[in-house]
Protein backbone atom coordinates (compact mmCIF):
# COMPACT_ATOMS: atom_id res chain seq x y z
CA MET A 1 -15.74 11.48 3.74
CA SER A 2 -15.10 9.27 6.78
CA LEU A 3 -11.69 7.76 7.42
CA LYS A 4 -13.03 4.22 7.02
CA LEU A 5 -14.63 5.02 3.66
CA LEU A 6 -11.45 6.68 2.42
CA ILE A 7 -9.31 3.71 3.49
CA THR A 8 -11.75 1.35 1.76
CA PHE A 9 -11.60 3.38 -1.47
CA LEU A 10 -7.81 3.62 -1.51
CA THR A 11 -7.35 -0.07 -0.64
CA LEU A 12 -9.75 -1.24 -3.34
CA THR A 13 -8.13 1.12 -5.83
CA LEU A 14 -4.73 -0.44 -5.18
CA THR A 15 -5.98 -4.03 -5.32
CA THR A 16 -7.98 -4.08 -8.53
CA SER A 17 -7.16 -6.68 -11.19
CA THR A 18 -3.97 -8.06 -9.68
CA TYR A 19 -2.43 -11.46 -9.26
CA ALA A 20 -0.30 -12.07 -6.21
CA GLN A 21 2.16 -14.40 -4.59
CA ILE A 22 1.39 -14.12 -0.88
CA PHE A 23 -0.29 -17.53 -0.87
CA ASP A 24 1.13 -20.61 -2.55
CA ILE A 25 -0.40 -23.91 -3.60
CA GLU A 26 2.12 -26.63 -4.33
CA VAL A 27 1.98 -30.29 -5.27
CA VAL A 28 3.64 -32.33 -2.50
CA ASP A 29 2.94 -35.80 -4.00
CA TYR A 30 2.21 -36.64 -7.64
CA ASP A 31 1.65 -40.35 -6.80
CA GLY A 32 3.88 -41.26 -9.74
CA LEU A 33 2.10 -39.03 -12.26
CA ASP A 34 5.17 -36.83 -12.68
CA ALA A 35 6.47 -39.61 -14.94
CA PHE A 36 3.72 -38.79 -17.45
CA ALA A 37 4.49 -35.39 -18.96
CA ALA A 38 1.04 -34.67 -20.41
CA VAL A 39 -0.77 -35.54 -17.19
CA LYS A 40 1.70 -33.62 -15.03
CA ALA A 41 1.28 -30.55 -17.25
CA VAL A 42 -2.51 -30.60 -16.77
CA VAL A 43 -2.14 -31.03 -12.99
CA ASP A 44 0.39 -28.18 -12.76
CA SER A 45 -1.79 -25.91 -14.88
CA ALA A 46 -4.85 -26.59 -12.73
CA VAL A 47 -2.91 -25.88 -9.53
CA LEU A 48 -1.48 -22.66 -10.99
CA ASP A 49 -4.96 -21.48 -12.00
CA ALA A 50 -6.19 -22.15 -8.46
CA LYS A 51 -3.24 -20.23 -6.98
CA ASN A 52 -3.85 -17.22 -9.24
CA GLN A 53 -7.53 -17.19 -8.30
CA VAL A 54 -6.74 -17.28 -4.57
CA ASN A 55 -4.17 -14.49 -4.78
CA LYS A 56 -5.92 -12.10 -7.15
CA GLU A 57 -6.89 -9.57 -4.45
CA PHE A 58 -3.49 -9.29 -2.77
CA PRO A 59 -0.17 -7.51 -3.52
CA ASN A 60 2.33 -9.61 -5.40
CA GLY A 61 5.97 -10.51 -5.60
CA THR A 62 8.55 -13.04 -4.63
CA PRO A 63 8.98 -12.87 -0.82
CA ASP A 64 12.08 -10.62 -0.84
CA ARG A 65 10.67 -8.31 -3.50
CA LEU A 66 7.30 -8.12 -1.75
CA MET A 67 8.90 -7.09 1.55
CA GLU A 68 10.94 -4.40 -0.22
CA GLY A 69 7.79 -3.08 -1.90
CA MET A 70 5.86 -3.06 1.39
CA ALA A 71 8.65 -1.16 3.20
CA ASN A 72 9.01 1.48 0.46
CA SER A 73 5.23 1.87 0.20
CA SER A 74 5.05 2.42 3.97
CA VAL A 75 7.37 5.43 3.64
CA MET A 76 5.45 6.93 0.72
CA ALA A 77 2.05 6.49 2.40
CA GLY A 78 3.08 8.97 5.10
CA LYS A 79 3.78 11.84 2.69
CA GLY A 80 1.18 14.59 2.86
CA ILE A 81 -0.66 13.63 6.08
CA GLY A 82 1.62 15.50 8.50
CA THR A 83 2.37 18.77 6.74
CA ASP A 84 0.58 21.39 4.69
CA TYR A 85 1.56 23.01 1.41
CA ALA A 86 -1.16 25.52 0.51
CA SER A 87 -3.52 26.46 3.37
CA ASN A 88 -2.02 29.87 4.32
CA MET A 89 -2.39 29.32 8.06
CA ASN A 90 -2.33 32.51 10.16
CA VAL A 91 -2.88 31.10 13.69
CA PHE A 92 -3.53 27.36 13.77
CA LEU A 93 -4.77 24.37 11.76
CA ILE A 94 -6.50 21.10 12.64
CA GLY A 95 -7.62 18.25 10.41
CA GLY A 96 -7.29 14.64 9.35
CA GLY A 97 -6.39 12.55 6.34
CA ILE A 98 -5.29 9.21 4.99
CA GLY A 99 -2.41 8.27 2.72
CA ALA A 100 -1.93 5.16 0.63
CA ALA A 101 0.91 4.02 -1.62
CA ALA A 102 1.78 1.15 -3.93
CA ASP A 103 4.89 -0.23 -5.60
CA LEU A 104 3.85 -0.42 -9.25
CA GLU A 105 6.90 -2.33 -10.44
CA LYS A 106 6.00 -5.75 -11.80
CA THR A 107 7.83 -8.78 -10.51
CA ASP A 108 9.16 -11.43 -12.89
CA GLY A 109 7.30 -14.70 -12.63
CA THR A 110 4.05 -13.30 -11.20
CA GLY A 111 1.91 -13.34 -14.32
CA ASP A 112 -0.23 -10.27 -14.80
CA SER A 113 0.76 -8.73 -11.44
CA GLU A 114 0.48 -4.95 -11.34
CA PHE A 115 2.03 -3.99 -8.00
CA SER A 116 4.53 -5.37 -5.51
CA GLY A 117 3.55 -3.76 -2.22
CA LEU A 118 1.15 -1.37 -0.52
CA GLY A 119 1.17 1.02 2.42
CA ILE A 120 -1.47 2.93 4.40
CA ALA A 121 -1.04 5.75 6.93
CA PRO A 122 -3.75 7.68 8.83
CA GLY A 123 -3.20 11.06 10.45
CA VAL A 124 -4.77 13.76 12.60
CA ILE A 125 -2.79 16.98 12.19
CA VAL A 126 -2.47 20.08 14.39
CA GLY A 127 -0.46 23.09 13.21
CA PHE A 128 0.64 26.44 14.67
CA ASN A 129 2.11 29.58 13.21
CA LEU A 130 4.99 30.56 15.51
CA GLY A 131 4.31 34.28 15.24
CA PHE A 132 2.89 34.20 18.79
CA LEU A 133 6.42 33.77 20.21
CA ASN A 134 7.96 36.79 21.95
CA SER A 135 11.02 36.50 19.76
CA LYS A 136 10.70 37.79 16.21
CA HIS A 137 13.35 35.37 15.01
CA LEU A 138 14.18 31.73 15.70
CA LEU A 139 17.44 30.27 14.41
CA GLY A 140 17.65 33.19 11.98
CA MET A 141 14.10 32.63 10.66
CA ASP A 142 11.19 35.07 10.89
CA THR A 143 8.69 33.42 13.28
CA ASN A 144 5.72 34.92 11.38
CA ARG A 145 6.81 32.81 8.38
CA LEU A 146 7.50 29.62 10.36
CA ASN A 147 4.84 26.93 10.86
CA LEU A 148 5.03 23.85 13.08
CA TYR A 149 2.89 20.74 12.59
CA PHE A 150 2.28 17.57 14.62
CA ASN A 151 0.45 14.48 13.43
CA PHE A 152 -0.59 11.33 15.25
CA MET A 153 -3.13 8.58 14.74
CA SER A 154 -3.71 4.92 15.54
CA TYR A 155 -6.42 3.07 13.63
CA ASN A 156 -7.57 -0.49 12.97
CA PHE A 157 -9.15 -1.42 9.66
CA GLN A 158 -10.59 -4.64 8.26
CA LYS A 159 -12.05 -5.29 4.82
CA THR A 160 -13.46 -8.37 3.10
CA LEU A 161 -12.08 -8.35 -0.44
CA ASN A 162 -14.25 -11.13 -1.80
CA SER A 163 -16.67 -13.72 -0.44
CA ASP A 164 -18.33 -16.20 -2.78
CA ASN A 165 -18.62 -19.92 -3.52
CA GLY A 166 -17.29 -20.85 -0.08
CA GLU A 167 -14.15 -18.70 -0.50
CA LYS A 168 -13.32 -15.58 1.46
CA SER A 169 -10.37 -13.18 1.37
CA GLU A 170 -9.79 -10.57 4.05
CA ILE A 171 -7.23 -7.88 4.76
CA ALA A 172 -6.79 -6.20 8.14
CA ALA A 173 -4.44 -3.38 9.08
CA ASP A 174 -3.38 -2.16 12.51
CA MET A 175 -1.93 1.30 11.80
CA LEU A 176 0.12 3.81 13.79
CA ALA A 177 1.58 6.99 12.33
CA PHE A 178 3.09 10.08 13.92
CA GLY A 179 5.50 12.85 13.03
CA THR A 180 6.44 16.51 13.22
CA HIS A 181 7.17 19.00 10.44
CA PHE A 182 8.41 22.56 9.99
CA ARG A 183 7.44 24.77 7.07
CA TYR A 184 9.19 28.06 6.37
CA ASP A 185 7.97 30.59 3.80
CA TRP A 186 11.39 31.07 2.23
CA ILE A 187 10.17 33.40 -0.53
CA LYS A 188 7.12 35.42 0.48
CA PRO A 189 3.79 35.03 -1.33
CA SER A 190 2.56 37.69 -3.73
CA GLY A 191 -0.67 38.61 -5.48
CA ASN A 192 -4.14 38.40 -3.93
CA LYS A 193 -6.92 35.87 -3.22
CA ILE A 194 -8.23 36.14 -6.78
CA LEU A 195 -4.88 35.28 -8.33
CA GLY A 196 -1.96 34.71 -6.01
CA TRP A 197 1.38 32.99 -5.93
CA GLY A 198 2.28 31.25 -2.69
CA GLY A 199 6.01 31.88 -2.97
CA VAL A 200 8.50 29.09 -2.18
CA LYS A 201 8.20 27.03 0.98
CA PHE A 202 10.90 24.94 2.65
CA ASN A 203 9.62 21.79 4.37
CA PHE A 204 11.49 19.57 6.86
CA GLY A 205 10.30 16.87 9.24
CA PHE A 206 10.26 13.42 10.77
CA GLU A 207 7.72 10.67 9.97
CA TYR A 208 7.10 7.27 11.58
CA ASN A 209 4.69 4.75 10.11
CA LYS A 210 3.96 1.23 11.37
CA THR A 211 1.35 -1.00 9.79
CA ASP A 212 0.69 -4.60 10.76
CA PHE A 213 -1.11 -6.20 7.82
CA ASN A 214 -2.94 -9.51 8.16
CA PHE A 215 -4.06 -11.44 5.08
CA LYS A 216 -6.51 -14.33 5.36
CA THR A 217 -8.03 -16.52 2.71
CA SER A 218 -10.36 -19.52 2.73
CA ILE A 219 -9.64 -21.65 -0.31
CA LYS A 220 -12.22 -23.79 -2.09
CA GLU A 221 -11.07 -24.31 -5.65
CA THR A 222 -12.64 -27.06 -7.76
CA VAL A 223 -10.46 -28.90 -10.31
CA ASN A 224 -12.13 -30.76 -13.18
CA GLU A 225 -9.84 -31.41 -16.15
CA THR A 226 -9.45 -34.06 -18.85
CA VAL A 227 -6.09 -34.90 -20.41
CA SER A 228 -6.38 -34.48 -24.16
CA GLY A 229 -5.60 -37.59 -26.17
CA THR A 230 -5.16 -40.09 -23.32
CA GLY A 231 -8.42 -39.40 -21.46
CA GLU A 232 -7.29 -39.17 -17.83
CA ILE A 233 -9.84 -37.31 -15.67
CA ILE A 234 -8.48 -35.10 -12.91
CA GLN A 235 -11.05 -34.06 -10.30
CA GLY A 236 -11.05 -32.73 -6.76
CA THR A 237 -11.35 -29.69 -4.53
CA ILE A 238 -8.43 -27.76 -3.08
CA THR A 239 -9.28 -26.42 0.39
CA GLY A 240 -7.38 -24.67 3.14
CA SER A 241 -7.19 -21.52 5.26
CA PRO A 242 -3.65 -20.11 5.10
CA GLU A 243 -2.92 -16.84 6.86
CA ALA A 244 -0.08 -14.36 6.45
CA SER A 245 1.05 -11.19 8.19
CA ILE A 246 3.41 -8.39 7.18
CA LEU A 247 4.75 -5.82 9.63
CA ALA A 248 6.11 -2.66 7.99
CA SER A 249 7.85 -0.26 10.35
CA THR A 250 9.60 2.74 8.79
CA MET A 251 10.98 6.19 9.62
CA SER A 252 11.58 8.98 7.15
CA ILE A 253 13.23 12.41 7.29
CA PRO A 254 11.79 14.46 4.40
CA VAL A 255 13.22 17.67 2.95
CA ALA A 256 11.16 19.42 0.28
CA LEU A 257 10.63 22.67 -1.62
CA SER A 258 7.10 23.56 -2.73
CA THR A 259 5.18 26.33 -4.42
CA ASP A 260 1.50 26.99 -5.07
CA VAL A 261 -0.98 29.25 -6.83
CA GLN A 262 -4.46 30.33 -5.75
CA LEU A 263 -7.20 30.84 -8.35
CA LEU A 264 -10.42 32.77 -7.59
CA TYR A 265 -9.88 32.00 -3.87
CA PHE A 266 -11.67 28.63 -4.13
CA VAL A 267 -8.93 26.57 -5.79
CA SER A 268 -5.25 26.13 -4.96
CA LEU A 269 -2.75 24.12 -6.96
CA TYR A 270 0.60 23.14 -5.50
CA THR A 271 3.65 21.14 -6.50
CA GLY A 272 7.16 20.44 -5.28
CA LEU A 273 10.24 18.23 -5.11
CA GLY A 274 11.47 16.28 -2.12
CA MET A 275 14.34 14.14 -0.88
CA ASP A 276 13.87 11.53 1.87
CA PHE A 277 16.26 9.71 4.17
CA ASN A 278 14.58 6.44 5.15
CA MET A 279 15.06 3.72 7.75
CA GLY A 280 13.16 0.56 8.68
CA LYS A 281 11.99 -2.66 7.09
CA ALA A 282 9.06 -4.97 6.39
CA SER A 283 8.92 -8.53 7.73
CA GLY A 284 6.55 -11.29 6.69
CA LYS A 285 5.32 -14.37 8.48
CA GLY A 286 3.09 -17.12 7.12
CA ASP A 287 1.19 -20.10 8.44
CA LEU A 288 2.93 -22.96 6.63
CA ASN A 289 0.73 -25.66 8.17
CA GLY A 290 -2.06 -25.59 5.64
CA ASN A 291 -4.32 -28.58 5.16
CA ASN A 292 -3.47 -31.10 2.45
CA SER A 293 -6.05 -31.69 -0.28
CA THR A 294 -6.39 -34.64 -2.63
CA ILE A 295 -7.06 -34.46 -6.36
CA ALA A 296 -8.07 -37.78 -7.90
CA CYS A 297 -6.86 -38.95 -11.30
CA THR A 298 -8.80 -41.76 -12.94
CA GLY A 299 -8.83 -43.51 -16.30
CA GLY A 300 -6.37 -43.49 -19.15
CA THR A 301 -2.98 -45.15 -19.27
CA ALA A 302 -1.46 -43.14 -16.44
CA CYS A 303 -4.13 -43.31 -13.72
CA GLY A 304 -6.00 -46.58 -14.18
CA THR A 305 -8.47 -47.13 -11.35
CA GLN A 306 -7.23 -44.10 -9.37
CA ARG A 307 -4.16 -42.16 -8.33
CA ASP A 308 -4.19 -39.33 -5.81
CA VAL A 309 -2.31 -36.05 -6.23
CA VAL A 310 -1.74 -34.29 -2.90
CA VAL A 311 -1.53 -30.47 -2.83
CA LYS A 312 -0.89 -28.11 0.05
CA PRO A 313 -1.77 -24.41 0.39
CA SER A 314 0.58 -22.21 2.40
CA ALA A 315 1.70 -18.64 3.00
CA ASN A 316 4.86 -17.73 1.16
CA ILE A 317 6.40 -14.68 2.84
CA ASP A 318 8.74 -15.72 5.69
CA THR A 319 11.43 -13.12 5.03
CA SER A 320 12.24 -9.42 5.51
CA ALA A 321 13.71 -6.53 3.53
CA LYS A 322 14.88 -3.01 4.31
CA VAL A 323 13.51 0.21 2.89
CA THR A 324 15.49 2.05 0.19
CA PRO A 325 17.71 4.46 2.22
CA PHE A 326 17.55 7.54 -0.03
CA THR A 327 14.68 8.43 -2.36
CA TYR A 328 13.63 11.43 -4.42
CA ARG A 329 10.06 12.36 -5.26
CA ALA A 330 7.83 14.86 -6.98
CA PHE A 331 4.38 15.77 -5.73
CA ALA A 332 1.35 17.79 -6.79
CA GLY A 333 -1.95 18.58 -5.16
CA LEU A 334 -5.35 20.18 -5.63
CA GLN A 335 -7.06 21.98 -2.75
CA PHE A 336 -10.54 23.47 -2.47
CA ASN A 337 -10.81 26.49 -0.15
CA LEU A 338 -14.23 26.85 1.50
CA ALA A 339 -14.36 29.54 4.22
CA TRP A 340 -12.18 28.06 7.01
CA THR A 341 -12.35 24.58 5.45
CA ARG A 342 -9.79 23.00 3.14
CA VAL A 343 -10.34 19.77 1.20
CA PHE A 344 -7.30 18.41 -0.62
CA VAL A 345 -5.97 15.50 -2.66
CA GLN A 346 -2.29 14.94 -3.36
CA VAL A 347 -0.25 12.57 -5.53
CA ASP A 348 3.41 11.68 -4.89
CA LYS A 349 5.67 9.89 -7.38
CA SER A 350 9.07 8.54 -6.47
CA LEU A 351 11.84 9.50 -8.89
CA SER A 352 14.01 6.65 -7.52
CA ASN A 353 11.66 3.68 -8.06
CA GLU A 354 8.07 2.88 -9.08
CA ILE A 355 6.37 3.92 -5.82
CA VAL A 356 3.22 6.07 -6.19
CA GLY A 357 1.26 7.59 -3.30
CA ALA A 358 -2.09 9.31 -2.88
CA THR A 359 -3.26 11.40 0.06
CA GLY A 360 -6.62 12.97 0.83
CA GLY A 361 -8.00 14.92 3.76
CA LEU A 362 -10.00 17.68 5.38
CA ARG A 363 -8.58 20.61 7.39
CA PHE A 364 -9.88 23.62 9.26
CA VAL A 365 -7.57 26.63 9.00
CA PHE A 366 -7.57 29.87 10.99
């Protein structure tokens, strides 16, 4: 599976059936209609429906909460792309993968929202067993049981989330991820390739992940409502092209213990627990100069010949928030072993908050 296809799958998986708060549509002038409660309620409802429709493909949250979710998701997205838990490397390893994460905690006041942030991290990984060193021991550790990994990748990605009826929503991501990890076989493996236990592995490392997200939307929402009882007709089209960007830049120092089993050579299952020390933040910036649109109100007692309601679309994320400093997580993975090829998928779940991550990749092991 290509990197682009995997990113597309993970991004669409995380953005299905959501309602978001990145983009706002607000009434800036009621033209006196705010004095008529029934008419104002219909106007407000129509504007809210338009806002929900515009935002349905994007992550949600009030600005502060959204930035917190983006920062925490950035950290979780990097788990699994720069280390290895079950490949039994003897000499070296090379491969690639992609990680994605989402903050699944709902935010008050965002309707049916299902997540409050997302993160993506790509990675090419190279690993070495340090048994080739002249010294049999390094810092008290047996070099034959000590593995060193490096990961690095920069990648640009753009995806159209929807395009119909004159509306278009796009997400772009400029990604950079790198890190280094050590893995030490603390308790030696036992068994054989038919049924084997991988022992207990100690994992330690450093991870950096920076993703510059850009969200664009072209709004064309038609309003056509009638006020029940009094007969006012509210018609118009809300248009605009607001744009927003979120820069998530995070560092993480992970410490983890893992174990694994191998079944009939072809399948390996692994699991573990980890603790992470995290630094960094996410910052948002929006284009607040959206175009004003006019919704006409005619008829009835309130509107008469015509009154014009003015609405304005905008981006709603000019703020920043830091990542949670200390987090705990559990992880589990499934790996298929095919000759020198390893195909794996991994799921991470934070035990400190509602962050969930998924990683997938391909590796060649010797």
